[in-house]
């Protein structure tokens, strides 16, 4: 019975020159995927747009449910994903939460896509 060996083992030389290392390490890939996943939902894109265009570049959670025609729990879920992905800041003021874009977050997301 013939033993199956890898091509480089049978000939003694690698089959081709090794490619350069990956552009992203595992941690960078996970962080980039988290951001891209957050951006992949149309409702979350709309939330980012509403927050960005809000007065002073921020919006109260109370102003985010009506434009999306979604319930408050669903909007809160989407906002949490955007905060966890590092795209939005959340600031509690009394009983209300206000959201604003993390400075440079969208630019960083764009750069991570272009670096692939």
C-alpha atoms as a PDB file:
ATOM      1  CA  UNK A   1       0.000   0.000   0.000  1.00  0.00           C
ATOM      2  CA  UNK A   2       1.424   3.411  -1.030  1.00  0.00           C
ATOM      3  CA  UNK A   3       1.624   6.096   1.625  1.00  0.00           C
ATOM      4  CA  UNK A   4       0.047   9.368   0.555  1.00  0.00           C
ATOM      5  CA  UNK A   5       2.315  12.297   1.235  1.00  0.00           C
ATOM      6  CA  UNK A   6       1.897  16.012   0.734  1.00  0.00           C
ATOM      7  CA  UNK A   7       3.341  17.255  -2.597  1.00  0.00           C
ATOM      8  CA  UNK A   8       6.234  19.022  -0.905  1.00  0.00           C
ATOM      9  CA  UNK A   9       7.147  15.859   0.999  1.00  0.00           C
ATOM     10  CA  UNK A  10       7.210  13.648  -2.090  1.00  0.00           C
ATOM     11  CA  UNK A  11       9.440  15.939  -4.117  1.00  0.00           C
ATOM     12  CA  UNK A  12      11.385  17.461  -1.266  1.00  0.00           C
ATOM     13  CA  UNK A  13      10.479  21.007  -2.364  1.00  0.00           C
ATOM     14  CA  UNK A  14       7.368  23.103  -1.817  1.00  0.00           C
ATOM     15  CA  UNK A  15       4.900  23.159  -4.683  1.00  0.00           C
ATOM     16  CA  UNK A  16       5.065  26.964  -4.864  1.00  0.00           C
ATOM     17  CA  UNK A  17       6.380  29.970  -3.026  1.00  0.00           C
ATOM     18  CA  UNK A  18       4.442  30.581   0.171  1.00  0.00           C
ATOM     19  CA  UNK A  19       2.111  33.552   0.000  1.00  0.00           C
ATOM     20  CA  UNK A  20       2.622  36.452   2.359  1.00  0.00           C
ATOM     21  CA  UNK A  21       0.920  36.317   5.733  1.00  0.00           C
ATOM     22  CA  UNK A  22      -2.763  37.182   6.036  1.00  0.00           C
ATOM     23  CA  UNK A  23      -3.613  40.865   5.980  1.00  0.00           C
ATOM     24  CA  UNK A  24      -5.740  40.431   9.101  1.00  0.00           C
ATOM     25  CA  UNK A  25      -4.918  38.410  12.158  1.00  0.00           C
ATOM     26  CA  UNK A  26      -7.725  36.530  13.913  1.00  0.00           C
ATOM     27  CA  UNK A  27      -8.508  39.321  16.376  1.00  0.00           C
ATOM     28  CA  UNK A  28      -8.623  41.992  13.651  1.00  0.00           C
ATOM     29  CA  UNK A  29     -10.837  39.758  11.520  1.00  0.00           C
ATOM     30  CA  UNK A  30     -13.296  39.266  14.394  1.00  0.00           C
ATOM     31  CA  UNK A  31     -13.449  43.000  15.127  1.00  0.00           C
ATOM     32  CA  UNK A  32     -13.944  43.831  11.448  1.00  0.00           C
ATOM     33  CA  UNK A  33     -16.639  41.176  11.099  1.00  0.00           C
ATOM     34  CA  UNK A  34     -18.481  42.594  14.136  1.00  0.00           C
ATOM     35  CA  UNK A  35     -18.557  46.048  12.528  1.00  0.00           C
ATOM     36  CA  UNK A  36     -19.550  44.733   9.110  1.00  0.00           C
ATOM     37  CA  UNK A  37     -22.291  42.598  10.647  1.00  0.00           C
ATOM     38  CA  UNK A  38     -23.615  45.660  12.476  1.00  0.00           C
ATOM     39  CA  UNK A  39     -23.612  47.591   9.200  1.00  0.00           C
ATOM     40  CA  UNK A  40     -25.310  44.803   7.258  1.00  0.00           C
ATOM     41  CA  UNK A  41     -28.805  45.512   8.561  1.00  0.00           C
ATOM     42  CA  UNK A  42     -30.906  48.192   6.802  1.00  0.00           C
ATOM     43  CA  UNK A  43     -32.520  49.322  10.070  1.00  0.00           C
ATOM     44  CA  UNK A  44     -29.122  49.833  11.686  1.00  0.00           C
ATOM     45  CA  UNK A  45     -27.938  51.820   8.672  1.00  0.00           C
ATOM     46  CA  UNK A  46     -31.007  54.000   8.995  1.00  0.00           C
ATOM     47  CA  UNK A  47     -30.348  54.462  12.713  1.00  0.00           C
ATOM     48  CA  UNK A  48     -26.799  55.604  11.988  1.00  0.00           C
ATOM     49  CA  UNK A  49     -28.127  58.026   9.385  1.00  0.00           C
ATOM     50  CA  UNK A  50     -30.751  59.447  11.750  1.00  0.00           C
ATOM     51  CA  UNK A  51     -28.245  59.853  14.579  1.00  0.00           C
ATOM     52  CA  UNK A  52     -25.661  61.469  12.305  1.00  0.00           C
ATOM     53  CA  UNK A  53     -28.168  63.955  10.902  1.00  0.00           C
ATOM     54  CA  UNK A  54     -29.653  64.742  14.313  1.00  0.00           C
ATOM     55  CA  UNK A  55     -29.213  68.118  15.969  1.00  0.00           C
ATOM     56  CA  UNK A  56     -25.652  68.226  17.282  1.00  0.00           C
ATOM     57  CA  UNK A  57     -24.954  64.840  15.696  1.00  0.00           C
ATOM     58  CA  UNK A  58     -26.972  62.985  18.281  1.00  0.00           C
ATOM     59  CA  UNK A  59     -30.457  61.598  18.818  1.00  0.00           C
ATOM     60  CA  UNK A  60     -32.557  60.563  21.777  1.00  0.00           C
ATOM     61  CA  UNK A  61     -33.815  56.998  21.777  1.00  0.00           C
ATOM     62  CA  UNK A  62     -37.331  58.431  22.020  1.00  0.00           C
ATOM     63  CA  UNK A  63     -36.859  59.926  18.537  1.00  0.00           C
ATOM     64  CA  UNK A  64     -35.665  56.717  16.896  1.00  0.00           C
ATOM     65  CA  UNK A  65     -38.661  54.384  17.051  1.00  0.00           C
ATOM     66  CA  UNK A  66     -41.146  56.314  14.913  1.00  0.00           C
ATOM     67  CA  UNK A  67     -38.981  56.855  11.795  1.00  0.00           C
ATOM     68  CA  UNK A  68     -38.214  53.132  11.607  1.00  0.00           C
ATOM     69  CA  UNK A  69     -41.767  52.020  12.417  1.00  0.00           C
ATOM     70  CA  UNK A  70     -40.325  49.483  14.854  1.00  0.00           C
ATOM     71  CA  UNK A  71     -41.093  48.813  18.476  1.00  0.00           C
ATOM     72  CA  UNK A  72     -38.889  50.200  21.221  1.00  0.00           C
ATOM     73  CA  UNK A  73     -37.387  46.779  22.160  1.00  0.00           C
ATOM     74  CA  UNK A  74     -36.335  46.176  18.538  1.00  0.00           C
ATOM     75  CA  UNK A  75     -34.788  49.628  18.195  1.00  0.00           C
ATOM     76  CA  UNK A  76     -32.964  49.143  21.506  1.00  0.00           C
ATOM     77  CA  UNK A  77     -31.614  45.815  20.254  1.00  0.00           C
ATOM     78  CA  UNK A  78     -30.271  47.425  17.076  1.00  0.00           C
ATOM     79  CA  UNK A  79     -28.751  50.302  19.055  1.00  0.00           C
ATOM     80  CA  UNK A  80     -27.004  47.860  21.385  1.00  0.00           C
ATOM     81  CA  UNK A  81     -25.433  46.095  18.410  1.00  0.00           C
ATOM     82  CA  UNK A  82     -24.205  49.429  17.044  1.00  0.00           C
ATOM     83  CA  UNK A  83     -22.771  50.410  20.438  1.00  0.00           C
ATOM     84  CA  UNK A  84     -21.115  46.997  20.905  1.00  0.00           C
ATOM     85  CA  UNK A  85     -19.571  47.284  17.428  1.00  0.00           C
ATOM     86  CA  UNK A  86     -18.026  50.629  18.402  1.00  0.00           C
ATOM     87  CA  UNK A  87     -20.078  52.694  15.974  1.00  0.00           C
ATOM     88  CA  UNK A  88     -22.285  54.599  18.442  1.00  0.00           C
ATOM     89  CA  UNK A  89     -21.772  56.164  21.861  1.00  0.00           C
ATOM     90  CA  UNK A  90     -24.578  55.991  24.418  1.00  0.00           C
ATOM     91  CA  UNK A  91     -25.062  58.653  27.065  1.00  0.00           C
ATOM     92  CA  UNK A  92     -27.732  58.399  29.740  1.00  0.00           C
ATOM     93  CA  UNK A  93     -29.464  61.690  30.597  1.00  0.00           C
ATOM     94  CA  UNK A  94     -32.114  61.223  33.223  1.00  0.00           C
ATOM     95  CA  UNK A  95     -34.464  58.523  31.964  1.00  0.00           C
ATOM     96  CA  UNK A  96     -33.435  58.912  28.310  1.00  0.00           C
ATOM     97  CA  UNK A  97     -30.461  57.614  26.369  1.00  0.00           C
ATOM     98  CA  UNK A  98     -28.811  59.745  23.712  1.00  0.00           C
ATOM     99  CA  UNK A  99     -26.753  58.275  20.902  1.00  0.00           C
ATOM    100  CA  UNK A 100     -23.965  59.819  18.851  1.00  0.00           C
ATOM    101  CA  UNK A 101     -21.475  58.490  16.336  1.00  0.00           C
ATOM    102  CA  UNK A 102     -18.108  57.430  17.687  1.00  0.00           C
ATOM    103  CA  UNK A 103     -15.664  59.891  16.104  1.00  0.00           C
ATOM    104  CA  UNK A 104     -13.808  58.208  13.247  1.00  0.00           C
ATOM    105  CA  UNK A 105     -15.720  54.907  13.514  1.00  0.00           C
ATOM    106  CA  UNK A 106     -17.227  55.017  10.029  1.00  0.00           C
ATOM    107  CA  UNK A 107     -13.889  56.069   8.536  1.00  0.00           C
ATOM    108  CA  UNK A 108     -12.158  53.192  10.343  1.00  0.00           C
ATOM    109  CA  UNK A 109     -14.784  50.753   9.029  1.00  0.00           C
ATOM    110  CA  UNK A 110     -14.192  52.052   5.528  1.00  0.00           C
ATOM    111  CA  UNK A 111     -10.424  51.689   5.897  1.00  0.00           C
ATOM    112  CA  UNK A 112     -10.734  48.124   7.174  1.00  0.00           C
ATOM    113  CA  UNK A 113     -12.760  47.204   4.074  1.00  0.00           C
ATOM    114  CA  UNK A 114     -10.258  48.874   1.765  1.00  0.00           C
ATOM    115  CA  UNK A 115      -7.370  47.072   3.483  1.00  0.00           C
ATOM    116  CA  UNK A 116      -8.716  43.623   2.588  1.00  0.00           C
END
